[in-house]
């Protein structure tokens, strides 16, 4: 890790950054990287594109990882960029101490105790020893029109797409339990993203930063999510299918923030 990178991480803790941006109504753009799907032959070029388009965060992980290359992936990110790497773990085996932070996900939309607290108990000692920044996050699966990997692996039923009130109350309970972020996820390859109506209902119910991902395959969908109250837009699977998606969403986030500056 370079000296500049160490200063950036130490001076701007990610939790504080997320909270500050939320209070300023500024939006962030995160790219989700699945280690199984990264082509390391072209990864350096991809990282250069991410830097050029001012990606704010890399989320690293997935529900099912068959090729454990998380350490290699994070090493490459930290070698060629200063973009923070945040683990997006599917279970306790996906903890990598070289990351800058971890979304410690409690699957509050489901009723499977293993993903509410079980995996966390297993991971807690190694997380404490690692010194990695912990981001306690209420993770909520939202129905997306198809059975997703995360729903199958976690053995949980997503919140129905049109039940905004259930999502709002679930997020509210998560915040009351002390979770500091809420993540609304339609899942990888979702046919439909989390609706603006649901995002707005959750935004009205909690004061935490709201992360939204799954099914955001256009700048228009990203803009609708931001307008509804999403603080962090997450794009993953869509980038693999559309090489223009990263710069398009990045431009949408940048434009939203520029318009915000004009208002204030």
C-alpha atoms as a PDB file:
ATOM      1  CA  UNK A   1       0.000   0.000   0.000  1.00  0.00           C
ATOM      2  CA  UNK A   2       1.416   3.399  -0.970  1.00  0.00           C
ATOM      3  CA  UNK A   3       1.855   6.240   1.509  1.00  0.00           C
ATOM      4  CA  UNK A   4      -0.841   8.257  -0.280  1.00  0.00           C
ATOM      5  CA  UNK A   5      -3.229   5.340  -0.048  1.00  0.00           C
ATOM      6  CA  UNK A   6      -2.525   4.894   3.675  1.00  0.00           C
ATOM      7  CA  UNK A   7      -3.218   8.595   4.267  1.00  0.00           C
ATOM      8  CA  UNK A   8      -6.449   8.421   2.278  1.00  0.00           C
ATOM      9  CA  UNK A   9      -7.797   5.436   4.211  1.00  0.00           C
ATOM     10  CA  UNK A  10      -6.704   6.730   7.619  1.00  0.00           C
ATOM     11  CA  UNK A  11      -7.927  10.290   7.074  1.00  0.00           C
ATOM     12  CA  UNK A  12     -11.250   9.342   5.535  1.00  0.00           C
ATOM     13  CA  UNK A  13     -12.697   6.284   7.197  1.00  0.00           C
ATOM     14  CA  UNK A  14     -15.263   4.741   4.892  1.00  0.00           C
ATOM     15  CA  UNK A  15     -18.103   4.769   7.420  1.00  0.00           C
ATOM     16  CA  UNK A  16     -17.578   8.466   8.048  1.00  0.00           C
ATOM     17  CA  UNK A  17     -17.350   9.109   4.322  1.00  0.00           C
ATOM     18  CA  UNK A  18     -20.633   7.313   3.639  1.00  0.00           C
ATOM     19  CA  UNK A  19     -22.386   9.229   6.411  1.00  0.00           C
ATOM     20  CA  UNK A  20     -20.981  12.590   5.313  1.00  0.00           C
ATOM     21  CA  UNK A  21     -22.014  12.028   1.702  1.00  0.00           C
ATOM     22  CA  UNK A  22     -25.467  10.961   2.776  1.00  0.00           C
ATOM     23  CA  UNK A  23     -25.891  14.147   4.811  1.00  0.00           C
ATOM     24  CA  UNK A  24     -24.684  16.203   1.840  1.00  0.00           C
ATOM     25  CA  UNK A  25     -27.035  14.241  -0.469  1.00  0.00           C
ATOM     26  CA  UNK A  26     -24.006  13.376  -2.609  1.00  0.00           C
ATOM     27  CA  UNK A  27     -24.095  10.027  -4.373  1.00  0.00           C
ATOM     28  CA  UNK A  28     -21.396   7.372  -4.724  1.00  0.00           C
ATOM     29  CA  UNK A  29     -20.731   4.753  -7.382  1.00  0.00           C
ATOM     30  CA  UNK A  30     -19.566   1.256  -6.443  1.00  0.00           C
ATOM     31  CA  UNK A  31     -18.549  -1.508  -8.831  1.00  0.00           C
ATOM     32  CA  UNK A  32     -19.144  -5.071  -7.620  1.00  0.00           C
ATOM     33  CA  UNK A  33     -16.430  -7.505  -8.674  1.00  0.00           C
ATOM     34  CA  UNK A  34     -17.034 -11.245  -8.546  1.00  0.00           C
ATOM     35  CA  UNK A  35     -13.631 -13.000  -8.351  1.00  0.00           C
ATOM     36  CA  UNK A  36     -15.005 -15.849 -10.468  1.00  0.00           C
ATOM     37  CA  UNK A  37     -15.787 -13.476 -13.331  1.00  0.00           C
ATOM     38  CA  UNK A  38     -12.715 -11.225 -13.408  1.00  0.00           C
ATOM     39  CA  UNK A  39     -10.435 -11.628 -16.414  1.00  0.00           C
ATOM     40  CA  UNK A  40      -6.997 -10.864 -14.975  1.00  0.00           C
ATOM     41  CA  UNK A  41      -5.505 -10.553 -18.478  1.00  0.00           C
ATOM     42  CA  UNK A  42      -7.559  -7.386 -19.059  1.00  0.00           C
ATOM     43  CA  UNK A  43      -8.068  -6.321 -15.444  1.00  0.00           C
ATOM     44  CA  UNK A  44      -5.432  -3.581 -15.445  1.00  0.00           C
ATOM     45  CA  UNK A  45      -7.151  -1.919 -18.382  1.00  0.00           C
ATOM     46  CA  UNK A  46     -10.483  -2.176 -16.583  1.00  0.00           C
ATOM     47  CA  UNK A  47      -8.985  -0.575 -13.490  1.00  0.00           C
ATOM     48  CA  UNK A  48      -7.683   2.304 -15.572  1.00  0.00           C
ATOM     49  CA  UNK A  49     -11.220   2.835 -16.885  1.00  0.00           C
ATOM     50  CA  UNK A  50     -12.573   2.794 -13.322  1.00  0.00           C
ATOM     51  CA  UNK A  51     -10.061   5.441 -12.245  1.00  0.00           C
ATOM     52  CA  UNK A  52     -10.824   7.564 -15.305  1.00  0.00           C
ATOM     53  CA  UNK A  53     -14.546   7.427 -14.518  1.00  0.00           C
ATOM     54  CA  UNK A  54     -14.026   8.192 -10.821  1.00  0.00           C
ATOM     55  CA  UNK A  55     -15.492   5.004  -9.343  1.00  0.00           C
ATOM     56  CA  UNK A  56     -15.793   5.545  -5.585  1.00  0.00           C
ATOM     57  CA  UNK A  57     -15.614   1.984  -4.258  1.00  0.00           C
ATOM     58  CA  UNK A  58     -14.969  -1.581  -5.325  1.00  0.00           C
ATOM     59  CA  UNK A  59     -17.187  -4.174  -3.643  1.00  0.00           C
ATOM     60  CA  UNK A  60     -15.417  -7.533  -3.840  1.00  0.00           C
ATOM     61  CA  UNK A  61     -17.152 -10.873  -3.398  1.00  0.00           C
ATOM     62  CA  UNK A  62     -20.330 -12.761  -4.143  1.00  0.00           C
ATOM     63  CA  UNK A  63     -22.745 -15.394  -2.886  1.00  0.00           C
ATOM     64  CA  UNK A  64     -20.825 -18.338  -4.346  1.00  0.00           C
ATOM     65  CA  UNK A  65     -17.109 -18.196  -5.155  1.00  0.00           C
ATOM     66  CA  UNK A  66     -15.536 -21.254  -6.769  1.00  0.00           C
ATOM     67  CA  UNK A  67     -12.183 -19.704  -7.683  1.00  0.00           C
ATOM     68  CA  UNK A  68     -10.723 -18.059  -4.599  1.00  0.00           C
ATOM     69  CA  UNK A  69      -8.865 -15.100  -6.069  1.00  0.00           C
ATOM     70  CA  UNK A  70     -10.042 -12.385  -3.686  1.00  0.00           C
ATOM     71  CA  UNK A  71      -6.510 -11.695  -2.456  1.00  0.00           C
ATOM     72  CA  UNK A  72      -5.138 -11.486  -6.002  1.00  0.00           C
ATOM     73  CA  UNK A  73      -7.972  -9.200  -7.055  1.00  0.00           C
ATOM     74  CA  UNK A  74      -7.529  -6.829  -4.109  1.00  0.00           C
ATOM     75  CA  UNK A  75      -3.768  -6.765  -4.625  1.00  0.00           C
ATOM     76  CA  UNK A  76      -4.233  -5.645  -8.240  1.00  0.00           C
ATOM     77  CA  UNK A  77      -6.741  -2.955  -7.246  1.00  0.00           C
ATOM     78  CA  UNK A  78      -4.410  -1.574  -4.600  1.00  0.00           C
ATOM     79  CA  UNK A  79      -1.423  -1.678  -6.952  1.00  0.00           C
ATOM     80  CA  UNK A  80      -3.037   0.300  -9.751  1.00  0.00           C
ATOM     81  CA  UNK A  81      -5.633   2.476  -7.982  1.00  0.00           C
ATOM     82  CA  UNK A  82      -6.403   4.269  -4.725  1.00  0.00           C
ATOM     83  CA  UNK A  83     -10.071   3.209  -4.858  1.00  0.00           C
ATOM     84  CA  UNK A  84     -11.113   1.602  -1.534  1.00  0.00           C
ATOM     85  CA  UNK A  85     -11.844  -2.136  -1.624  1.00  0.00           C
ATOM     86  CA  UNK A  86     -14.823  -3.274   0.439  1.00  0.00           C
ATOM     87  CA  UNK A  87     -15.557  -6.955   0.950  1.00  0.00           C
ATOM     88  CA  UNK A  88     -19.047  -8.136  -0.010  1.00  0.00           C
ATOM     89  CA  UNK A  89     -18.889 -11.592   1.594  1.00  0.00           C
ATOM     90  CA  UNK A  90     -21.117 -14.572   0.942  1.00  0.00           C
ATOM     91  CA  UNK A  91     -19.895 -16.314   4.089  1.00  0.00           C
ATOM     92  CA  UNK A  92     -17.103 -16.310   6.667  1.00  0.00           C
ATOM     93  CA  UNK A  93     -14.675 -17.958   4.230  1.00  0.00           C
ATOM     94  CA  UNK A  94     -14.660 -14.809   2.114  1.00  0.00           C
ATOM     95  CA  UNK A  95     -12.833 -12.653   4.660  1.00  0.00           C
ATOM     96  CA  UNK A  96      -9.607 -11.162   3.278  1.00  0.00           C
ATOM     97  CA  UNK A  97      -7.607  -8.977   5.654  1.00  0.00           C
ATOM     98  CA  UNK A  98      -5.953  -6.907   2.912  1.00  0.00           C
ATOM     99  CA  UNK A  99      -9.260  -5.208   2.013  1.00  0.00           C
ATOM    100  CA  UNK A 100      -9.940  -1.723   3.350  1.00  0.00           C
ATOM    101  CA  UNK A 101     -13.344  -2.590   4.843  1.00  0.00           C
ATOM    102  CA  UNK A 102     -16.050  -5.219   4.961  1.00  0.00           C
ATOM    103  CA  UNK A 103     -19.797  -4.953   4.614  1.00  0.00           C
ATOM    104  CA  UNK A 104     -20.723  -7.113   7.596  1.00  0.00           C
ATOM    105  CA  UNK A 105     -24.043  -8.197   6.155  1.00  0.00           C
ATOM    106  CA  UNK A 106     -26.924  -9.283   8.349  1.00  0.00           C
ATOM    107  CA  UNK A 107     -29.635 -10.688   6.076  1.00  0.00           C
ATOM    108  CA  UNK A 108     -32.552  -8.995   7.814  1.00  0.00           C
ATOM    109  CA  UNK A 109     -35.044  -9.662   5.017  1.00  0.00           C
ATOM    110  CA  UNK A 110     -34.816 -13.419   5.657  1.00  0.00           C
ATOM    111  CA  UNK A 111     -35.266 -15.710   8.618  1.00  0.00           C
ATOM    112  CA  UNK A 112     -32.218 -17.908   8.211  1.00  0.00           C
ATOM    113  CA  UNK A 113     -30.222 -17.529  11.471  1.00  0.00           C
ATOM    114  CA  UNK A 114     -26.972 -18.511   9.767  1.00  0.00           C
ATOM    115  CA  UNK A 115     -27.026 -15.302   7.722  1.00  0.00           C
ATOM    116  CA  UNK A 116     -28.513 -13.180  10.481  1.00  0.00           C
ATOM    117  CA  UNK A 117     -25.798 -13.993  13.054  1.00  0.00           C
ATOM    118  CA  UNK A 118     -24.296 -17.475  12.551  1.00  0.00           C
ATOM    119  CA  UNK A 119     -21.610 -16.679   9.973  1.00  0.00           C
ATOM    120  CA  UNK A 120     -20.797 -13.491  11.865  1.00  0.00           C
ATOM    121  CA  UNK A 121     -19.923 -15.425  15.034  1.00  0.00           C
ATOM    122  CA  UNK A 122     -17.460 -17.536  13.057  1.00  0.00           C
ATOM    123  CA  UNK A 123     -15.890 -14.511  11.370  1.00  0.00           C
ATOM    124  CA  UNK A 124     -15.771 -12.188  14.392  1.00  0.00           C
ATOM    125  CA  UNK A 125     -12.392 -13.298  15.890  1.00  0.00           C
ATOM    126  CA  UNK A 126     -10.529 -13.081  12.577  1.00  0.00           C
ATOM    127  CA  UNK A 127     -12.185  -9.751  11.740  1.00  0.00           C
ATOM    128  CA  UNK A 128     -11.166  -8.257  15.068  1.00  0.00           C
ATOM    129  CA  UNK A 129      -7.615  -9.475  14.632  1.00  0.00           C
ATOM    130  CA  UNK A 130      -7.390  -8.183  11.063  1.00  0.00           C
ATOM    131  CA  UNK A 131      -8.102  -4.568  11.977  1.00  0.00           C
ATOM    132  CA  UNK A 132     -10.241  -4.207   8.863  1.00  0.00           C
ATOM    133  CA  UNK A 133     -12.925  -1.502   9.054  1.00  0.00           C
ATOM    134  CA  UNK A 134     -16.315  -3.036   9.862  1.00  0.00           C
ATOM    135  CA  UNK A 135     -19.421  -1.640   8.157  1.00  0.00           C
ATOM    136  CA  UNK A 136     -22.454  -3.207   9.940  1.00  0.00           C
ATOM    137  CA  UNK A 137     -25.059  -3.472   7.197  1.00  0.00           C
ATOM    138  CA  UNK A 138     -28.671  -4.588   7.061  1.00  0.00           C
ATOM    139  CA  UNK A 139     -28.868  -6.648   3.883  1.00  0.00           C
ATOM    140  CA  UNK A 140     -32.290  -6.906   2.248  1.00  0.00           C
ATOM    141  CA  UNK A 141     -33.064  -9.104  -0.739  1.00  0.00           C
ATOM    142  CA  UNK A 142     -35.780  -7.728  -3.000  1.00  0.00           C
ATOM    143  CA  UNK A 143     -37.764  -9.818  -5.482  1.00  0.00           C
ATOM    144  CA  UNK A 144     -36.351  -9.261  -8.959  1.00  0.00           C
ATOM    145  CA  UNK A 145     -38.413 -11.413 -11.286  1.00  0.00           C
ATOM    146  CA  UNK A 146     -36.152 -14.488 -11.072  1.00  0.00           C
ATOM    147  CA  UNK A 147     -34.534 -16.764  -8.512  1.00  0.00           C
ATOM    148  CA  UNK A 148     -31.105 -15.292  -7.786  1.00  0.00           C
ATOM    149  CA  UNK A 149     -27.997 -17.054  -6.527  1.00  0.00           C
ATOM    150  CA  UNK A 150     -28.042 -15.207  -3.212  1.00  0.00           C
ATOM    151  CA  UNK A 151     -31.663 -16.166  -2.550  1.00  0.00           C
ATOM    152  CA  UNK A 152     -30.942 -19.813  -3.338  1.00  0.00           C
ATOM    153  CA  UNK A 153     -27.706 -20.002  -1.330  1.00  0.00           C
ATOM    154  CA  UNK A 154     -29.162 -18.173   1.686  1.00  0.00           C
ATOM    155  CA  UNK A 155     -32.401 -20.183   1.562  1.00  0.00           C
ATOM    156  CA  UNK A 156     -34.466 -17.046   2.130  1.00  0.00           C
ATOM    157  CA  UNK A 157     -37.478 -15.477   0.443  1.00  0.00           C
ATOM    158  CA  UNK A 158     -36.948 -11.969  -0.952  1.00  0.00           C
ATOM    159  CA  UNK A 159     -39.259  -9.123  -0.007  1.00  0.00           C
ATOM    160  CA  UNK A 160     -41.944  -8.826  -2.731  1.00  0.00           C
ATOM    161  CA  UNK A 161     -41.084  -6.174  -5.299  1.00  0.00           C
ATOM    162  CA  UNK A 162     -44.283  -4.206  -4.656  1.00  0.00           C
ATOM    163  CA  UNK A 163     -44.264  -4.345  -0.833  1.00  0.00           C
ATOM    164  CA  UNK A 164     -42.529  -1.075  -0.023  1.00  0.00           C
ATOM    165  CA  UNK A 165     -44.018  -0.936   3.460  1.00  0.00           C
ATOM    166  CA  UNK A 166     -42.444  -4.293   4.406  1.00  0.00           C
ATOM    167  CA  UNK A 167     -39.071  -3.067   3.170  1.00  0.00           C
ATOM    168  CA  UNK A 168     -39.431   0.193   5.104  1.00  0.00           C
ATOM    169  CA  UNK A 169     -40.320  -1.557   8.370  1.00  0.00           C
ATOM    170  CA  UNK A 170     -37.526  -4.112   7.905  1.00  0.00           C
ATOM    171  CA  UNK A 171     -34.983  -1.352   7.339  1.00  0.00           C
ATOM    172  CA  UNK A 172     -36.346   0.549  10.320  1.00  0.00           C
ATOM    173  CA  UNK A 173     -35.896  -2.501  12.546  1.00  0.00           C
ATOM    174  CA  UNK A 174     -32.354  -2.960  11.261  1.00  0.00           C
ATOM    175  CA  UNK A 175     -31.493   0.624  12.118  1.00  0.00           C
ATOM    176  CA  UNK A 176     -32.989   0.215  15.582  1.00  0.00           C
ATOM    177  CA  UNK A 177     -30.781  -2.848  16.074  1.00  0.00           C
ATOM    178  CA  UNK A 178     -27.751  -0.680  15.407  1.00  0.00           C
ATOM    179  CA  UNK A 179     -26.982  -1.498  11.777  1.00  0.00           C
ATOM    180  CA  UNK A 180     -25.343   1.529  10.183  1.00  0.00           C
ATOM    181  CA  UNK A 181     -26.117   0.934   6.507  1.00  0.00           C
ATOM    182  CA  UNK A 182     -29.041  -0.548   4.608  1.00  0.00           C
ATOM    183  CA  UNK A 183     -28.380  -2.487   1.405  1.00  0.00           C
ATOM    184  CA  UNK A 184     -31.345  -3.117  -0.922  1.00  0.00           C
ATOM    185  CA  UNK A 185     -30.313  -5.792  -3.423  1.00  0.00           C
ATOM    186  CA  UNK A 186     -32.323  -7.291  -6.252  1.00  0.00           C
ATOM    187  CA  UNK A 187     -29.454  -9.728  -6.863  1.00  0.00           C
ATOM    188  CA  UNK A 188     -27.025 -10.401  -9.678  1.00  0.00           C
ATOM    189  CA  UNK A 189     -28.689 -10.536 -13.075  1.00  0.00           C
ATOM    190  CA  UNK A 190     -31.996  -9.221 -11.745  1.00  0.00           C
ATOM    191  CA  UNK A 191     -34.699  -8.751 -14.350  1.00  0.00           C
ATOM    192  CA  UNK A 192     -35.997  -5.666 -12.565  1.00  0.00           C
ATOM    193  CA  UNK A 193     -34.168  -3.367 -10.134  1.00  0.00           C
ATOM    194  CA  UNK A 194     -35.399  -2.249  -6.733  1.00  0.00           C
ATOM    195  CA  UNK A 195     -38.263   0.136  -7.477  1.00  0.00           C
ATOM    196  CA  UNK A 196     -37.956   3.879  -6.827  1.00  0.00           C
ATOM    197  CA  UNK A 197     -41.095   3.599  -4.685  1.00  0.00           C
ATOM    198  CA  UNK A 198     -39.426   1.070  -2.377  1.00  0.00           C
ATOM    199  CA  UNK A 199     -36.203   3.078  -2.184  1.00  0.00           C
ATOM    200  CA  UNK A 200     -38.194   6.202  -1.308  1.00  0.00           C
ATOM    201  CA  UNK A 201     -40.129   4.342   1.397  1.00  0.00           C
ATOM    202  CA  UNK A 202     -36.908   3.089   2.979  1.00  0.00           C
ATOM    203  CA  UNK A 203     -35.344   6.539   2.676  1.00  0.00           C
ATOM    204  CA  UNK A 204     -38.275   8.012   4.616  1.00  0.00           C
ATOM    205  CA  UNK A 205     -37.954   5.313   7.298  1.00  0.00           C
ATOM    206  CA  UNK A 206     -34.221   5.416   8.151  1.00  0.00           C
ATOM    207  CA  UNK A 207     -31.373   7.882   8.554  1.00  0.00           C
ATOM    208  CA  UNK A 208     -28.617   5.462   7.516  1.00  0.00           C
ATOM    209  CA  UNK A 209     -26.864   5.506   4.146  1.00  0.00           C
ATOM    210  CA  UNK A 210     -28.777   3.383   1.630  1.00  0.00           C
ATOM    211  CA  UNK A 211     -26.934   1.147  -0.845  1.00  0.00           C
ATOM    212  CA  UNK A 212     -28.875  -0.130  -3.866  1.00  0.00           C
ATOM    213  CA  UNK A 213     -27.832  -2.788  -6.368  1.00  0.00           C
ATOM    214  CA  UNK A 214     -29.123  -5.454  -8.717  1.00  0.00           C
ATOM    215  CA  UNK A 215     -30.692  -4.858 -12.107  1.00  0.00           C
ATOM    216  CA  UNK A 216     -29.231  -1.379 -12.598  1.00  0.00           C
ATOM    217  CA  UNK A 217     -28.298  -1.827 -16.245  1.00  0.00           C
ATOM    218  CA  UNK A 218     -28.696   1.736 -17.514  1.00  0.00           C
ATOM    219  CA  UNK A 219     -27.903   5.296 -16.494  1.00  0.00           C
ATOM    220  CA  UNK A 220     -31.645   5.991 -16.413  1.00  0.00           C
ATOM    221  CA  UNK A 221     -32.234   3.318 -13.768  1.00  0.00           C
ATOM    222  CA  UNK A 222     -29.288   4.622 -11.779  1.00  0.00           C
ATOM    223  CA  UNK A 223     -30.719   8.136 -11.891  1.00  0.00           C
ATOM    224  CA  UNK A 224     -34.164   6.957 -10.749  1.00  0.00           C
ATOM    225  CA  UNK A 225     -32.571   5.151  -7.797  1.00  0.00           C
ATOM    226  CA  UNK A 226     -30.575   8.234  -6.815  1.00  0.00           C
ATOM    227  CA  UNK A 227     -33.597  10.508  -7.106  1.00  0.00           C
ATOM    228  CA  UNK A 228     -35.562   8.129  -4.876  1.00  0.00           C
ATOM    229  CA  UNK A 229     -32.925   8.308  -2.133  1.00  0.00           C
ATOM    230  CA  UNK A 230     -30.163   5.779  -2.845  1.00  0.00           C
ATOM    231  CA  UNK A 231     -26.793   6.995  -1.568  1.00  0.00           C
ATOM    232  CA  UNK A 232     -24.614   4.358  -3.239  1.00  0.00           C
ATOM    233  CA  UNK A 233     -25.348   2.846  -6.656  1.00  0.00           C
ATOM    234  CA  UNK A 234     -23.890  -0.638  -7.180  1.00  0.00           C
ATOM    235  CA  UNK A 235     -23.334  -2.089 -10.635  1.00  0.00           C
ATOM    236  CA  UNK A 236     -21.847  -5.505 -11.249  1.00  0.00           C
ATOM    237  CA  UNK A 237     -23.208  -8.062 -13.691  1.00  0.00           C
ATOM    238  CA  UNK A 238     -24.403  -5.390 -16.124  1.00  0.00           C
ATOM    239  CA  UNK A 239     -20.848  -4.215 -16.812  1.00  0.00           C
ATOM    240  CA  UNK A 240     -19.950  -7.642 -18.148  1.00  0.00           C
ATOM    241  CA  UNK A 241     -22.803  -7.473 -20.640  1.00  0.00           C
ATOM    242  CA  UNK A 242     -22.424  -3.806 -21.609  1.00  0.00           C
ATOM    243  CA  UNK A 243     -18.957  -2.248 -21.709  1.00  0.00           C
ATOM    244  CA  UNK A 244     -20.478   1.232 -21.888  1.00  0.00           C
ATOM    245  CA  UNK A 245     -22.425   0.807 -18.666  1.00  0.00           C
ATOM    246  CA  UNK A 246     -19.583   1.809 -16.327  1.00  0.00           C
ATOM    247  CA  UNK A 247     -18.916   5.212 -17.951  1.00  0.00           C
ATOM    248  CA  UNK A 248     -22.655   5.831 -18.432  1.00  0.00           C
ATOM    249  CA  UNK A 249     -23.544   5.225 -14.776  1.00  0.00           C
ATOM    250  CA  UNK A 250     -20.444   7.121 -13.633  1.00  0.00           C
ATOM    251  CA  UNK A 251     -21.530  10.092 -15.741  1.00  0.00           C
ATOM    252  CA  UNK A 252     -25.034   9.913 -14.276  1.00  0.00           C
ATOM    253  CA  UNK A 253     -23.669   9.961 -10.713  1.00  0.00           C
ATOM    254  CA  UNK A 254     -21.305  12.813 -11.528  1.00  0.00           C
ATOM    255  CA  UNK A 255     -24.071  14.835 -13.178  1.00  0.00           C
ATOM    256  CA  UNK A 256     -26.380  14.308 -10.188  1.00  0.00           C
ATOM    257  CA  UNK A 257     -23.696  15.606  -7.847  1.00  0.00           C
ATOM    258  CA  UNK A 258     -22.916  18.585 -10.100  1.00  0.00           C
ATOM    259  CA  UNK A 259     -26.591  19.536 -10.193  1.00  0.00           C
ATOM    260  CA  UNK A 260     -26.640  19.275  -6.404  1.00  0.00           C
ATOM    261  CA  UNK A 261     -23.757  21.755  -6.174  1.00  0.00           C
ATOM    262  CA  UNK A 262     -25.672  24.206  -8.352  1.00  0.00           C
ATOM    263  CA  UNK A 263     -28.694  23.994  -6.047  1.00  0.00           C
ATOM    264  CA  UNK A 264     -26.594  24.770  -3.004  1.00  0.00           C
END
